[in-house]
Amino acid sequence: MAKVCEVCGKKPQIGKKRKKLRGKYNPTTKVRRLPNLQKIKLPEQLAKKFNLPPNKKVSICSKCLKRLFKG
């Protein structure tokens, strides 16, 4: 299962972690930041709006979830 939002396409991002020790930064490591995905069952009206299957569980990021049910 891919960790991708089915509405906006948000996916994991690679960042860097910086650790300061005695006034200088140590060599950094890569950090994988995952989107906050929620599995929900979309009603038919919202599913049509985004061309998704109705009454089926889909992975949606929390930002899109808030946007969908707000207005």
Protein backbone atom coordinates (compact mmCIF):
# COMPACT_ATOMS: atom_id res chain seq x y z
CA MET A 1 0.00 0.00 0.00
CA ALA A 2 1.46 3.33 -1.04
CA LYS A 3 1.56 6.18 1.45
CA VAL A 4 -0.02 8.72 -0.91
CA CYS A 5 -3.13 10.87 -0.50
CA GLU A 6 -5.68 9.90 -3.16
CA VAL A 7 -7.09 13.44 -3.44
CA CYS A 8 -4.07 15.76 -3.59
CA GLY A 9 -1.23 13.27 -4.21
CA LYS A 10 0.76 14.22 -1.12
CA LYS A 11 3.54 11.67 -0.54
CA PRO A 12 6.52 11.13 1.81
CA GLN A 13 9.22 13.80 1.78
CA ILE A 14 12.92 13.52 2.55
CA GLY A 15 14.40 16.08 4.92
CA LYS A 16 17.55 16.46 6.98
CA LYS A 17 17.95 16.29 10.72
CA ARG A 18 20.50 18.69 12.21
CA LYS A 19 22.07 18.01 15.57
CA LYS A 20 24.15 20.71 17.24
CA LEU A 21 26.99 19.68 19.53
CA ARG A 22 29.37 22.17 21.17
CA GLY A 23 28.52 24.99 18.76
CA LYS A 24 28.91 22.96 15.57
CA TYR A 25 26.57 20.74 13.58
CA ASN A 26 27.38 17.05 13.36
CA PRO A 27 27.03 15.19 10.06
CA THR A 28 23.33 15.04 9.30
CA THR A 29 21.13 12.09 8.50
CA LYS A 30 18.17 11.90 6.16
CA VAL A 31 14.69 11.76 7.70
CA ARG A 32 11.59 10.50 5.90
CA ARG A 33 8.50 12.51 6.80
CA LEU A 34 5.19 10.77 6.11
CA PRO A 35 1.84 12.48 5.43
CA ASN A 36 -0.92 12.12 8.05
CA LEU A 37 -3.19 9.70 6.17
CA GLN A 38 -6.64 8.69 7.39
CA LYS A 39 -8.73 5.86 5.93
CA ILE A 40 -12.34 6.92 5.49
CA LYS A 41 -15.39 5.86 3.52
CA LEU A 42 -16.42 8.71 1.22
CA PRO A 43 -20.08 9.53 0.59
CA GLU A 44 -21.19 9.33 -3.06
CA GLN A 45 -21.34 13.12 -3.62
CA LEU A 46 -17.76 13.70 -2.46
CA ALA A 47 -16.50 10.64 -4.34
CA LYS A 48 -17.95 11.96 -7.62
CA LYS A 49 -16.32 15.34 -7.05
CA PHE A 50 -12.82 13.78 -6.96
CA ASN A 51 -13.39 10.81 -9.32
CA LEU A 52 -12.91 8.26 -6.53
CA PRO A 53 -14.86 5.01 -6.00
CA PRO A 54 -18.03 5.61 -3.91
CA ASN A 55 -18.60 3.80 -0.59
CA LYS A 56 -15.04 2.43 -0.57
CA LYS A 57 -12.31 3.18 1.97
CA VAL A 58 -9.68 5.57 0.64
CA SER A 59 -6.52 7.09 2.15
CA ILE A 60 -6.81 10.86 2.50
CA CYS A 61 -4.44 13.25 4.25
CA SER A 62 -5.88 15.18 7.20
CA LYS A 63 -5.64 18.50 5.36
CA CYS A 64 -7.83 17.24 2.50
CA LEU A 65 -10.21 15.62 4.96
CA LYS A 66 -10.73 18.96 6.69
CA ARG A 67 -11.21 20.70 3.34
CA LEU A 68 -13.74 18.11 2.09
CA PHE A 69 -16.11 18.28 5.04
CA LYS A 70 -15.75 22.01 5.69
CA GLY A 71 -17.50 23.28 2.62
